[in-house]
Amino acid sequence: ETQYLSDTKPAATDSVDVAGVTPGAALMLHNTVRVRQGMDENSSVVDVVYAGMQVTVGQNFASGWTSVTTSSGKSGYVRSDLLQ
Protein backbone atom coordinates (compact mmCIF):
# COMPACT_ATOMS: atom_id res chain seq x y z
CA GLU A 1 0.00 0.00 0.00
CA THR A 2 1.24 3.48 -0.85
CA GLN A 3 -1.16 5.38 1.41
CA TYR A 4 1.54 5.64 4.08
CA LEU A 5 4.19 7.04 1.75
CA SER A 6 4.89 10.72 1.40
CA ASP A 7 6.89 12.79 -1.07
CA THR A 8 7.65 15.41 1.56
CA LYS A 9 10.97 15.30 3.32
CA PRO A 10 10.73 15.43 7.12
CA ALA A 11 12.09 18.59 8.72
CA ALA A 12 15.42 18.34 10.50
CA THR A 13 14.65 18.25 14.21
CA ASP A 14 17.47 20.64 15.11
CA SER A 15 16.67 23.17 12.39
CA VAL A 16 15.57 26.62 13.57
CA ASP A 17 14.78 29.97 11.97
CA VAL A 18 17.31 32.72 12.55
CA ALA A 19 16.25 36.30 11.81
CA GLY A 20 17.87 37.57 8.62
CA VAL A 21 19.56 34.23 7.87
CA THR A 22 17.70 32.37 5.10
CA PRO A 23 18.87 28.86 4.16
CA GLY A 24 20.12 28.78 0.56
CA ALA A 25 20.69 32.53 0.41
CA ALA A 26 23.96 34.30 -0.24
CA LEU A 27 24.76 36.48 2.73
CA MET A 28 27.17 39.44 2.81
CA LEU A 29 29.16 39.43 6.04
CA HIS A 30 29.54 42.54 8.19
CA ASN A 31 32.24 40.94 10.33
CA THR A 32 35.23 38.70 9.71
CA VAL A 33 34.31 35.18 10.85
CA ARG A 34 36.07 31.86 11.23
CA VAL A 35 34.36 28.93 9.53
CA ARG A 36 34.81 25.89 11.76
CA GLN A 37 34.81 22.17 11.05
CA GLY A 38 32.26 21.50 13.81
CA MET A 39 29.70 23.38 15.89
CA ASP A 40 32.20 24.26 18.60
CA GLU A 41 34.47 27.23 19.35
CA ASN A 42 37.37 24.78 19.77
CA SER A 43 36.77 23.07 16.44
CA SER A 44 39.38 23.43 13.68
CA VAL A 45 39.13 26.50 11.43
CA VAL A 46 38.55 25.46 7.81
CA ASP A 47 38.38 28.97 6.35
CA VAL A 48 38.25 32.65 7.32
CA VAL A 49 35.67 34.87 5.62
CA TYR A 50 36.33 38.59 5.79
CA ALA A 51 33.82 41.42 6.15
CA GLY A 52 32.33 42.27 2.76
CA MET A 53 32.64 38.71 1.44
CA GLN A 54 29.69 36.36 0.89
CA VAL A 55 28.81 32.91 2.19
CA THR A 56 25.97 30.64 1.13
CA VAL A 57 23.81 29.74 4.10
CA GLY A 58 23.00 26.09 4.70
CA GLN A 59 21.00 25.19 7.79
CA ASN A 60 20.46 26.99 11.09
CA PHE A 61 20.81 24.79 14.17
CA ALA A 62 19.23 25.18 17.61
CA SER A 63 22.73 24.97 19.10
CA GLY A 64 23.35 28.52 17.81
CA TRP A 65 25.39 27.56 14.75
CA THR A 66 24.69 27.84 11.02
CA SER A 67 26.25 25.74 8.27
CA VAL A 68 27.77 27.79 5.45
CA THR A 69 29.73 27.34 2.24
CA THR A 70 32.40 29.93 1.50
CA SER A 71 33.13 31.47 -1.90
CA SER A 72 36.18 29.18 -2.09
CA GLY A 73 33.86 26.16 -1.79
CA LYS A 74 34.74 25.17 1.77
CA SER A 75 31.90 24.12 4.07
CA GLY A 76 31.70 24.47 7.81
CA TYR A 77 29.89 26.17 10.67
CA VAL A 78 29.66 29.76 11.91
CA ARG A 79 28.02 31.03 15.09
CA SER A 80 24.58 32.21 13.99
CA ASP A 81 24.82 35.50 15.91
CA LEU A 82 27.85 36.48 13.81
CA LEU A 83 25.76 36.31 10.63
CA GLN A 84 23.14 38.82 11.72
C-alpha atoms as a PDB file:
ATOM      1  CA  GLU A   1       0.000   0.000   0.000  1.00  0.00           C
ATOM      2  CA  THR A   2       1.244   3.482  -0.851  1.00  0.00           C
ATOM      3  CA  GLN A   3      -1.163   5.381   1.405  1.00  0.00           C
ATOM      4  CA  TYR A   4       1.539   5.635   4.078  1.00  0.00           C
ATOM      5  CA  LEU A   5       4.188   7.043   1.751  1.00  0.00           C
ATOM      6  CA  SER A   6       4.888  10.724   1.396  1.00  0.00           C
ATOM      7  CA  ASP A   7       6.890  12.789  -1.071  1.00  0.00           C
ATOM      8  CA  THR A   8       7.650  15.411   1.563  1.00  0.00           C
ATOM      9  CA  LYS A   9      10.967  15.296   3.324  1.00  0.00           C
ATOM     10  CA  PRO A  10      10.735  15.434   7.122  1.00  0.00           C
ATOM     11  CA  ALA A  11      12.089  18.592   8.717  1.00  0.00           C
ATOM     12  CA  ALA A  12      15.423  18.343  10.501  1.00  0.00           C
ATOM     13  CA  THR A  13      14.654  18.252  14.207  1.00  0.00           C
ATOM     14  CA  ASP A  14      17.473  20.636  15.106  1.00  0.00           C
ATOM     15  CA  SER A  15      16.665  23.175  12.394  1.00  0.00           C
ATOM     16  CA  VAL A  16      15.569  26.622  13.567  1.00  0.00           C
ATOM     17  CA  ASP A  17      14.779  29.971  11.969  1.00  0.00           C
ATOM     18  CA  VAL A  18      17.311  32.721  12.551  1.00  0.00           C
ATOM     19  CA  ALA A  19      16.254  36.297  11.810  1.00  0.00           C
ATOM     20  CA  GLY A  20      17.873  37.570   8.617  1.00  0.00           C
ATOM     21  CA  VAL A  21      19.556  34.230   7.871  1.00  0.00           C
ATOM     22  CA  THR A  22      17.701  32.375   5.104  1.00  0.00           C
ATOM     23  CA  PRO A  23      18.868  28.860   4.160  1.00  0.00           C
ATOM     24  CA  GLY A  24      20.118  28.775   0.562  1.00  0.00           C
ATOM     25  CA  ALA A  25      20.690  32.529   0.414  1.00  0.00           C
ATOM     26  CA  ALA A  26      23.956  34.298  -0.244  1.00  0.00           C
ATOM     27  CA  LEU A  27      24.765  36.481   2.734  1.00  0.00           C
ATOM     28  CA  MET A  28      27.173  39.436   2.813  1.00  0.00           C
ATOM     29  CA  LEU A  29      29.162  39.427   6.042  1.00  0.00           C
ATOM     30  CA  HIS A  30      29.544  42.542   8.186  1.00  0.00           C
ATOM     31  CA  ASN A  31      32.244  40.936  10.334  1.00  0.00           C
ATOM     32  CA  THR A  32      35.233  38.701   9.714  1.00  0.00           C
ATOM     33  CA  VAL A  33      34.311  35.177  10.847  1.00  0.00           C
ATOM     34  CA  ARG A  34      36.072  31.857  11.232  1.00  0.00           C
ATOM     35  CA  VAL A  35      34.355  28.932   9.533  1.00  0.00           C
ATOM     36  CA  ARG A  36      34.813  25.892  11.761  1.00  0.00           C
ATOM     37  CA  GLN A  37      34.814  22.173  11.049  1.00  0.00           C
ATOM     38  CA  GLY A  38      32.257  21.503  13.808  1.00  0.00           C
ATOM     39  CA  MET A  39      29.699  23.384  15.887  1.00  0.00           C
ATOM     40  CA  ASP A  40      32.201  24.263  18.602  1.00  0.00           C
ATOM     41  CA  GLU A  41      34.474  27.231  19.348  1.00  0.00           C
ATOM     42  CA  ASN A  42      37.368  24.781  19.774  1.00  0.00           C
ATOM     43  CA  SER A  43      36.765  23.075  16.438  1.00  0.00           C
ATOM     44  CA  SER A  44      39.382  23.431  13.679  1.00  0.00           C
ATOM     45  CA  VAL A  45      39.132  26.501  11.430  1.00  0.00           C
ATOM     46  CA  VAL A  46      38.550  25.457   7.811  1.00  0.00           C
ATOM     47  CA  ASP A  47      38.378  28.972   6.347  1.00  0.00           C
ATOM     48  CA  VAL A  48      38.249  32.648   7.319  1.00  0.00           C
ATOM     49  CA  VAL A  49      35.671  34.870   5.622  1.00  0.00           C
ATOM     50  CA  TYR A  50      36.325  38.585   5.792  1.00  0.00           C
ATOM     51  CA  ALA A  51      33.819  41.420   6.149  1.00  0.00           C
ATOM     52  CA  GLY A  52      32.327  42.266   2.760  1.00  0.00           C
ATOM     53  CA  MET A  53      32.635  38.711   1.436  1.00  0.00           C
ATOM     54  CA  GLN A  54      29.693  36.356   0.894  1.00  0.00           C
ATOM     55  CA  VAL A  55      28.814  32.914   2.188  1.00  0.00           C
ATOM     56  CA  THR A  56      25.972  30.635   1.135  1.00  0.00           C
ATOM     57  CA  VAL A  57      23.805  29.736   4.095  1.00  0.00           C
ATOM     58  CA  GLY A  58      22.997  26.092   4.696  1.00  0.00           C
ATOM     59  CA  GLN A  59      21.003  25.192   7.787  1.00  0.00           C
ATOM     60  CA  ASN A  60      20.464  26.987  11.086  1.00  0.00           C
ATOM     61  CA  PHE A  61      20.810  24.795  14.175  1.00  0.00           C
ATOM     62  CA  ALA A  62      19.233  25.182  17.609  1.00  0.00           C
ATOM     63  CA  SER A  63      22.729  24.967  19.104  1.00  0.00           C
ATOM     64  CA  GLY A  64      23.348  28.516  17.814  1.00  0.00           C
ATOM     65  CA  TRP A  65      25.390  27.559  14.751  1.00  0.00           C
ATOM     66  CA  THR A  66      24.694  27.842  11.018  1.00  0.00           C
ATOM     67  CA  SER A  67      26.248  25.737   8.269  1.00  0.00           C
ATOM     68  CA  VAL A  68      27.771  27.789   5.453  1.00  0.00           C
ATOM     69  CA  THR A  69      29.727  27.341   2.238  1.00  0.00           C
ATOM     70  CA  THR A  70      32.403  29.932   1.503  1.00  0.00           C
ATOM     71  CA  SER A  71      33.135  31.469  -1.899  1.00  0.00           C
ATOM     72  CA  SER A  72      36.182  29.176  -2.086  1.00  0.00           C
ATOM     73  CA  GLY A  73      33.858  26.165  -1.786  1.00  0.00           C
ATOM     74  CA  LYS A  74      34.740  25.172   1.774  1.00  0.00           C
ATOM     75  CA  SER A  75      31.900  24.117   4.074  1.00  0.00           C
ATOM     76  CA  GLY A  76      31.699  24.475   7.812  1.00  0.00           C
ATOM     77  CA  TYR A  77      29.892  26.171  10.671  1.00  0.00           C
ATOM     78  CA  VAL A  78      29.665  29.758  11.914  1.00  0.00           C
ATOM     79  CA  ARG A  79      28.021  31.031  15.092  1.00  0.00           C
ATOM     80  CA  SER A  80      24.583  32.210  13.985  1.00  0.00           C
ATOM     81  CA  ASP A  81      24.819  35.496  15.908  1.00  0.00           C
ATOM     82  CA  LEU A  82      27.848  36.484  13.813  1.00  0.00           C
ATOM     83  CA  LEU A  83      25.764  36.315  10.629  1.00  0.00           C
ATOM     84  CA  GLN A  84      23.136  38.816  11.720  1.00  0.00           C
END
